[in-house]
Amino acid sequence: MQPDIDQMPLIQWIPPDRRPESLIARRYHVGERIFEQGDPTTGLWIVLEGRVAVERVGADGTLTTTGVWVAGDIVGIAGLWDRSGYPASARALENPTVMGWIARDVVLRLHQEIPQFGLEISRLLSERLRFVQEAVSGRQGRPIINQVASVLLTLASRMGPSISLTHEDLAHIIGTHRETVSRALQELARNGVIRSHHGTIEIVTLDQLEEWTLAGGR
């Protein structure tokens, strides 16, 4: 079912007569870059349809996926207020992926004129921070299979039981090799916790998956 754009967080607070001039929709194919790390931050992006991976290249050249975002999520807001560059890149994960772009000056104007718009940005940023903190705390110093289970549990809470994500993407989120993630997924599949096929990871039972997030194993 196609998302109801008018009811999405943030967009719902833009007056209908101002949406056509405030929100510009752009379509992307799988693998296509939406913005690049280091590019000037010209506005904020809202996922209207599909899924988006946000990725950061560290000083040592290591690629880390910092988040996977779905319809209604905002991305690219980190450098909006101080005009700094994007701290990470964004890549489309689905066909189609549709993004809504709101220019920086429009965001600032809406923020000043519509209190609910500003409050919604604050709420979304708080939600984002909580999500990232939970994801990080669920991985640090734990066996890979527990980290994989923890990331899948977090993603399932936002995406549902069917997660469109490759083994490579999942490896970038955790910060390990694809082969290592594949072995962990095979172990979870052997235990009837997940099914993995064609770039999709299906959670069979959330209760069992939660057991596998424990640091000591199942």
C-alpha atoms as a PDB file:
ATOM      1  CA  MET A   1       0.000   0.000   0.000  1.00  0.00           C
ATOM      2  CA  GLN A   2       1.380   3.407  -0.984  1.00  0.00           C
ATOM      3  CA  PRO A   3       2.068   5.727   1.971  1.00  0.00           C
ATOM      4  CA  ASP A   4      -0.277   8.670   2.578  1.00  0.00           C
ATOM      5  CA  ILE A   5       2.163  11.536   2.070  1.00  0.00           C
ATOM      6  CA  ASP A   6      -0.218  14.166   3.439  1.00  0.00           C
ATOM      7  CA  GLN A   7      -0.320  12.377   6.811  1.00  0.00           C
ATOM      8  CA  MET A   8       3.429  11.907   7.167  1.00  0.00           C
ATOM      9  CA  PRO A   9       5.181  13.518  10.131  1.00  0.00           C
ATOM     10  CA  LEU A  10       6.429  17.013   9.290  1.00  0.00           C
ATOM     11  CA  ILE A  11       4.574  17.186   5.962  1.00  0.00           C
ATOM     12  CA  GLN A  12       1.207  17.209   7.713  1.00  0.00           C
ATOM     13  CA  TRP A  13       2.139  20.537   9.338  1.00  0.00           C
ATOM     14  CA  ILE A  14       2.847  22.260   6.005  1.00  0.00           C
ATOM     15  CA  PRO A  15      -0.358  24.029   4.859  1.00  0.00           C
ATOM     16  CA  PRO A  16      -1.773  22.224   1.771  1.00  0.00           C
ATOM     17  CA  ASP A  17      -1.589  25.375  -0.353  1.00  0.00           C
ATOM     18  CA  ARG A  18       2.145  25.697   0.414  1.00  0.00           C
ATOM     19  CA  ARG A  19       3.156  22.077  -0.161  1.00  0.00           C
ATOM     20  CA  PRO A  20       3.631  22.280  -3.957  1.00  0.00           C
ATOM     21  CA  GLU A  21       6.177  25.091  -3.589  1.00  0.00           C
ATOM     22  CA  SER A  22       7.770  23.742  -0.391  1.00  0.00           C
ATOM     23  CA  LEU A  23       8.218  20.039  -1.171  1.00  0.00           C
ATOM     24  CA  ILE A  24       9.967  18.821  -4.323  1.00  0.00           C
ATOM     25  CA  ALA A  25       9.645  15.084  -5.060  1.00  0.00           C
ATOM     26  CA  ARG A  26      12.526  13.214  -6.719  1.00  0.00           C
ATOM     27  CA  ARG A  27      12.708   9.552  -7.764  1.00  0.00           C
ATOM     28  CA  TYR A  28      15.746   7.297  -7.412  1.00  0.00           C
ATOM     29  CA  HIS A  29      16.696   3.767  -8.467  1.00  0.00           C
ATOM     30  CA  VAL A  30      18.366   1.111  -6.311  1.00  0.00           C
ATOM     31  CA  GLY A  31      21.966   2.069  -5.600  1.00  0.00           C
ATOM     32  CA  GLU A  32      21.564   5.663  -6.753  1.00  0.00           C
ATOM     33  CA  ARG A  33      23.035   8.327  -4.488  1.00  0.00           C
ATOM     34  CA  ILE A  34      20.678  10.941  -3.076  1.00  0.00           C
ATOM     35  CA  PHE A  35      23.466  13.058  -1.621  1.00  0.00           C
ATOM     36  CA  GLU A  36      27.171  12.555  -0.973  1.00  0.00           C
ATOM     37  CA  GLN A  37      29.175  12.864   2.210  1.00  0.00           C
ATOM     38  CA  GLY A  38      30.830  16.296   2.275  1.00  0.00           C
ATOM     39  CA  ASP A  39      28.405  17.948  -0.156  1.00  0.00           C
ATOM     40  CA  PRO A  40      26.919  21.262   1.078  1.00  0.00           C
ATOM     41  CA  THR A  41      23.685  20.773   3.034  1.00  0.00           C
ATOM     42  CA  THR A  42      21.098  22.586   0.925  1.00  0.00           C
ATOM     43  CA  GLY A  43      17.949  21.285   2.621  1.00  0.00           C
ATOM     44  CA  LEU A  44      16.402  18.317   4.385  1.00  0.00           C
ATOM     45  CA  TRP A  45      15.088  15.144   2.801  1.00  0.00           C
ATOM     46  CA  ILE A  46      11.993  13.120   3.662  1.00  0.00           C
ATOM     47  CA  VAL A  47      11.566   9.511   2.552  1.00  0.00           C
ATOM     48  CA  LEU A  48       8.210   9.453   0.746  1.00  0.00           C
ATOM     49  CA  GLU A  49       8.427   5.896  -0.587  1.00  0.00           C
ATOM     50  CA  GLY A  50      10.976   3.085  -0.414  1.00  0.00           C
ATOM     51  CA  ARG A  51      13.999   2.719   1.874  1.00  0.00           C
ATOM     52  CA  VAL A  52      17.241   4.664   2.179  1.00  0.00           C
ATOM     53  CA  ALA A  53      20.620   3.707   3.658  1.00  0.00           C
ATOM     54  CA  VAL A  54      22.743   6.451   5.208  1.00  0.00           C
ATOM     55  CA  GLU A  55      26.450   5.593   4.968  1.00  0.00           C
ATOM     56  CA  ARG A  56      29.622   7.189   6.270  1.00  0.00           C
ATOM     57  CA  VAL A  57      33.223   6.646   5.161  1.00  0.00           C
ATOM     58  CA  GLY A  58      35.657   6.902   8.074  1.00  0.00           C
ATOM     59  CA  ALA A  59      39.171   8.335   8.028  1.00  0.00           C
ATOM     60  CA  ASP A  60      40.538   4.827   7.443  1.00  0.00           C
ATOM     61  CA  GLY A  61      38.254   4.311   4.442  1.00  0.00           C
ATOM     62  CA  THR A  62      35.856   1.970   6.241  1.00  0.00           C
ATOM     63  CA  LEU A  63      32.235   2.228   5.096  1.00  0.00           C
ATOM     64  CA  THR A  64      29.637   2.112   7.885  1.00  0.00           C
ATOM     65  CA  THR A  65      25.870   2.218   7.448  1.00  0.00           C
ATOM     66  CA  THR A  66      24.581   4.489  10.203  1.00  0.00           C
ATOM     67  CA  GLY A  67      20.905   3.841   9.552  1.00  0.00           C
ATOM     68  CA  VAL A  68      18.215   2.514   7.233  1.00  0.00           C
ATOM     69  CA  TRP A  69      15.224   4.826   6.921  1.00  0.00           C
ATOM     70  CA  VAL A  70      11.693   4.322   5.650  1.00  0.00           C
ATOM     71  CA  ALA A  71       8.674   6.370   4.563  1.00  0.00           C
ATOM     72  CA  GLY A  72       8.137   9.361   6.839  1.00  0.00           C
ATOM     73  CA  ASP A  73      11.739   9.513   8.094  1.00  0.00           C
ATOM     74  CA  ILE A  74      13.900  12.598   7.596  1.00  0.00           C
ATOM     75  CA  VAL A  75      17.541  12.417   6.484  1.00  0.00           C
ATOM     76  CA  GLY A  76      20.282  14.922   5.779  1.00  0.00           C
ATOM     77  CA  ILE A  77      19.343  17.347   8.532  1.00  0.00           C
ATOM     78  CA  ALA A  78      22.607  17.265  10.535  1.00  0.00           C
ATOM     79  CA  GLY A  79      24.264  20.187   8.724  1.00  0.00           C
ATOM     80  CA  LEU A  80      21.120  22.178   8.035  1.00  0.00           C
ATOM     81  CA  TRP A  81      21.499  24.790  10.765  1.00  0.00           C
ATOM     82  CA  ASP A  82      25.205  25.596  10.450  1.00  0.00           C
ATOM     83  CA  ARG A  83      25.500  25.125   6.659  1.00  0.00           C
ATOM     84  CA  SER A  84      28.130  22.405   7.085  1.00  0.00           C
ATOM     85  CA  GLY A  85      28.417  19.511   4.652  1.00  0.00           C
ATOM     86  CA  TYR A  86      26.482  16.265   4.847  1.00  0.00           C
ATOM     87  CA  PRO A  87      28.309  14.059   7.401  1.00  0.00           C
ATOM     88  CA  ALA A  88      27.262  10.937   5.464  1.00  0.00           C
ATOM     89  CA  SER A  89      25.900   9.814   2.092  1.00  0.00           C
ATOM     90  CA  ALA A  90      22.407   8.505   1.330  1.00  0.00           C
ATOM     91  CA  ARG A  91      21.660   5.647  -1.085  1.00  0.00           C
ATOM     92  CA  ALA A  92      18.355   4.292  -2.406  1.00  0.00           C
ATOM     93  CA  LEU A  93      17.636   0.670  -1.451  1.00  0.00           C
ATOM     94  CA  GLU A  94      14.411   0.078  -3.395  1.00  0.00           C
ATOM     95  CA  ASN A  95      12.759   0.669  -6.767  1.00  0.00           C
ATOM     96  CA  PRO A  96      11.273   3.155  -6.650  1.00  0.00           C
ATOM     97  CA  THR A  97      12.622   5.296  -3.861  1.00  0.00           C
ATOM     98  CA  VAL A  98      10.914   8.678  -3.774  1.00  0.00           C
ATOM     99  CA  MET A  99      12.385  11.518  -1.733  1.00  0.00           C
ATOM    100  CA  GLY A 100      10.889  14.862  -0.820  1.00  0.00           C
ATOM    101  CA  TRP A 101      13.328  17.781  -0.654  1.00  0.00           C
ATOM    102  CA  ILE A 102      12.676  20.992   1.288  1.00  0.00           C
ATOM    103  CA  ALA A 103      15.180  23.803   0.716  1.00  0.00           C
ATOM    104  CA  ARG A 104      17.026  25.165   3.745  1.00  0.00           C
ATOM    105  CA  ASP A 105      15.462  28.643   3.569  1.00  0.00           C
ATOM    106  CA  VAL A 106      11.987  27.081   3.313  1.00  0.00           C
ATOM    107  CA  VAL A 107      12.663  24.876   6.360  1.00  0.00           C
ATOM    108  CA  LEU A 108      13.794  27.887   8.387  1.00  0.00           C
ATOM    109  CA  ARG A 109      10.770  29.917   7.321  1.00  0.00           C
ATOM    110  CA  LEU A 110       8.327  27.120   8.176  1.00  0.00           C
ATOM    111  CA  HIS A 111      10.134  26.612  11.478  1.00  0.00           C
ATOM    112  CA  GLN A 112       9.571  30.270  12.371  1.00  0.00           C
ATOM    113  CA  GLU A 113       6.009  30.576  11.105  1.00  0.00           C
ATOM    114  CA  ILE A 114       4.500  27.238  12.185  1.00  0.00           C
ATOM    115  CA  PRO A 115       5.307  26.168  15.775  1.00  0.00           C
ATOM    116  CA  GLN A 116       4.057  22.607  15.167  1.00  0.00           C
ATOM    117  CA  PHE A 117       6.528  22.226  12.295  1.00  0.00           C
ATOM    118  CA  GLY A 118       9.453  23.114  14.566  1.00  0.00           C
ATOM    119  CA  LEU A 119       8.194  20.853  17.339  1.00  0.00           C
ATOM    120  CA  GLU A 120       7.860  17.964  14.877  1.00  0.00           C
ATOM    121  CA  ILE A 121      11.476  18.393  13.767  1.00  0.00           C
ATOM    122  CA  SER A 122      12.558  18.262  17.423  1.00  0.00           C
ATOM    123  CA  ARG A 123      10.456  15.144  18.015  1.00  0.00           C
ATOM    124  CA  LEU A 124      11.857  13.384  14.947  1.00  0.00           C
ATOM    125  CA  LEU A 125      15.429  14.235  15.933  1.00  0.00           C
ATOM    126  CA  SER A 126      14.842  12.904  19.458  1.00  0.00           C
ATOM    127  CA  GLU A 127      13.380   9.714  17.996  1.00  0.00           C
ATOM    128  CA  ARG A 128      16.399   9.406  15.680  1.00  0.00           C
ATOM    129  CA  LEU A 129      18.841   9.844  18.559  1.00  0.00           C
ATOM    130  CA  ARG A 130      17.051   7.183  20.608  1.00  0.00           C
ATOM    131  CA  PHE A 131      17.093   4.777  17.645  1.00  0.00           C
ATOM    132  CA  VAL A 132      20.838   5.268  17.085  1.00  0.00           C
ATOM    133  CA  GLN A 133      21.608   4.893  20.797  1.00  0.00           C
ATOM    134  CA  GLU A 134      19.628   1.647  20.986  1.00  0.00           C
ATOM    135  CA  ALA A 135      21.355   0.324  17.868  1.00  0.00           C
ATOM    136  CA  VAL A 136      24.832   1.137  19.204  1.00  0.00           C
ATOM    137  CA  SER A 137      24.189  -0.205  22.716  1.00  0.00           C
ATOM    138  CA  GLY A 138      22.842  -3.401  21.193  1.00  0.00           C
ATOM    139  CA  ARG A 139      26.119  -4.101  19.380  1.00  0.00           C
ATOM    140  CA  GLN A 140      29.082  -2.998  21.464  1.00  0.00           C
ATOM    141  CA  GLY A 141      31.325  -5.787  22.725  1.00  0.00           C
ATOM    142  CA  ARG A 142      28.937  -8.613  21.855  1.00  0.00           C
ATOM    143  CA  PRO A 143      29.258 -11.713  19.652  1.00  0.00           C
ATOM    144  CA  ILE A 144      28.393 -11.076  15.997  1.00  0.00           C
ATOM    145  CA  ILE A 145      25.297 -13.274  16.027  1.00  0.00           C
ATOM    146  CA  ASN A 146      23.886 -11.270  18.963  1.00  0.00           C
ATOM    147  CA  GLN A 147      24.700  -8.024  17.148  1.00  0.00           C
ATOM    148  CA  VAL A 148      22.952  -9.264  14.006  1.00  0.00           C
ATOM    149  CA  ALA A 149      19.884 -10.256  16.016  1.00  0.00           C
ATOM    150  CA  SER A 150      19.853  -6.881  17.784  1.00  0.00           C
ATOM    151  CA  VAL A 151      20.027  -4.907  14.528  1.00  0.00           C
ATOM    152  CA  LEU A 152      17.298  -7.049  12.950  1.00  0.00           C
ATOM    153  CA  LEU A 153      15.070  -6.550  15.994  1.00  0.00           C
ATOM    154  CA  THR A 154      15.536  -2.775  15.814  1.00  0.00           C
ATOM    155  CA  LEU A 155      14.854  -2.686  12.071  1.00  0.00           C
ATOM    156  CA  ALA A 156      11.794  -4.930  12.430  1.00  0.00           C
ATOM    157  CA  SER A 157      10.280  -2.490  14.923  1.00  0.00           C
ATOM    158  CA  ARG A 158      10.243   0.120  12.139  1.00  0.00           C
ATOM    159  CA  MET A 159       9.942  -1.903   8.935  1.00  0.00           C
ATOM    160  CA  GLY A 160       7.855  -4.867   9.994  1.00  0.00           C
ATOM    161  CA  PRO A 161       8.823  -8.558   9.818  1.00  0.00           C
ATOM    162  CA  SER A 162       9.990  -8.420   6.177  1.00  0.00           C
ATOM    163  CA  ILE A 163      13.230  -6.420   5.921  1.00  0.00           C
ATOM    164  CA  SER A 164      14.593  -5.531   2.475  1.00  0.00           C
ATOM    165  CA  LEU A 165      18.320  -5.605   3.170  1.00  0.00           C
ATOM    166  CA  THR A 166      21.277  -7.433   1.650  1.00  0.00           C
ATOM    167  CA  HIS A 167      23.904  -9.254   3.682  1.00  0.00           C
ATOM    168  CA  GLU A 168      26.380  -6.575   2.533  1.00  0.00           C
ATOM    169  CA  ASP A 169      24.159  -3.765   3.838  1.00  0.00           C
ATOM    170  CA  LEU A 170      23.753  -5.529   7.172  1.00  0.00           C
ATOM    171  CA  ALA A 171      27.529  -6.023   7.401  1.00  0.00           C
ATOM    172  CA  HIS A 172      28.051  -2.286   6.884  1.00  0.00           C
ATOM    173  CA  ILE A 173      25.622  -1.507   9.699  1.00  0.00           C
ATOM    174  CA  ILE A 174      27.486  -3.766  12.119  1.00  0.00           C
ATOM    175  CA  GLY A 175      30.946  -2.947  10.811  1.00  0.00           C
ATOM    176  CA  THR A 176      32.097  -6.424   9.833  1.00  0.00           C
ATOM    177  CA  HIS A 177      32.528  -8.611   6.740  1.00  0.00           C
ATOM    178  CA  ARG A 178      29.640  -9.894   4.636  1.00  0.00           C
ATOM    179  CA  GLU A 179      30.762 -13.500   5.088  1.00  0.00           C
ATOM    180  CA  THR A 180      30.621 -13.108   8.879  1.00  0.00           C
ATOM    181  CA  VAL A 181      27.074 -11.758   8.709  1.00  0.00           C
ATOM    182  CA  SER A 182      26.041 -14.508   6.295  1.00  0.00           C
ATOM    183  CA  ARG A 183      27.216 -17.185   8.746  1.00  0.00           C
ATOM    184  CA  ALA A 184      25.249 -15.543  11.565  1.00  0.00           C
ATOM    185  CA  LEU A 185      22.124 -15.352   9.404  1.00  0.00           C
ATOM    186  CA  GLN A 186      22.517 -19.015   8.439  1.00  0.00           C
ATOM    187  CA  GLU A 187      22.670 -19.920  12.139  1.00  0.00           C
ATOM    188  CA  LEU A 188      19.502 -17.921  12.844  1.00  0.00           C
ATOM    189  CA  ALA A 189      17.790 -19.564   9.873  1.00  0.00           C
ATOM    190  CA  ARG A 190      18.790 -23.065  11.048  1.00  0.00           C
ATOM    191  CA  ASN A 191      17.134 -22.288  14.370  1.00  0.00           C
ATOM    192  CA  GLY A 192      13.923 -21.177  12.672  1.00  0.00           C
ATOM    193  CA  VAL A 193      14.269 -17.528  13.709  1.00  0.00           C
ATOM    194  CA  ILE A 194      14.490 -15.983  10.220  1.00  0.00           C
ATOM    195  CA  ARG A 195      14.203 -16.793   6.529  1.00  0.00           C
ATOM    196  CA  SER A 196      16.625 -15.090   4.141  1.00  0.00           C
ATOM    197  CA  HIS A 197      16.051 -14.922   0.389  1.00  0.00           C
ATOM    198  CA  HIS A 198      16.493 -12.547  -2.580  1.00  0.00           C
ATOM    199  CA  GLY A 199      17.732  -9.551  -0.590  1.00  0.00           C
ATOM    200  CA  THR A 200      14.983  -9.890   2.011  1.00  0.00           C
ATOM    201  CA  ILE A 201      15.257 -11.082   5.605  1.00  0.00           C
ATOM    202  CA  GLU A 202      11.965 -12.313   7.030  1.00  0.00           C
ATOM    203  CA  ILE A 203      11.544 -12.535  10.793  1.00  0.00           C
ATOM    204  CA  VAL A 204       9.687 -15.750  11.637  1.00  0.00           C
ATOM    205  CA  THR A 205       9.254 -15.071  15.348  1.00  0.00           C
ATOM    206  CA  LEU A 206      10.161 -11.867  17.175  1.00  0.00           C
ATOM    207  CA  ASP A 207      10.263 -13.592  20.574  1.00  0.00           C
ATOM    208  CA  GLN A 208      12.995 -15.993  19.484  1.00  0.00           C
ATOM    209  CA  LEU A 209      14.887 -13.183  17.747  1.00  0.00           C
ATOM    210  CA  GLU A 210      14.853 -11.195  20.985  1.00  0.00           C
ATOM    211  CA  GLU A 211      16.356 -14.190  22.807  1.00  0.00           C
ATOM    212  CA  TRP A 212      19.243 -14.151  20.343  1.00  0.00           C
ATOM    213  CA  THR A 213      20.051 -10.520  21.212  1.00  0.00           C
ATOM    214  CA  LEU A 214      21.291 -11.612  24.638  1.00  0.00           C
ATOM    215  CA  ALA A 215      25.047 -11.195  25.015  1.00  0.00           C
ATOM    216  CA  GLY A 216      25.489 -14.770  26.191  1.00  0.00           C
ATOM    217  CA  GLY A 217      23.665 -16.208  23.237  1.00  0.00           C
ATOM    218  CA  ARG A 218      20.377 -18.040  23.192  1.00  0.00           C
END
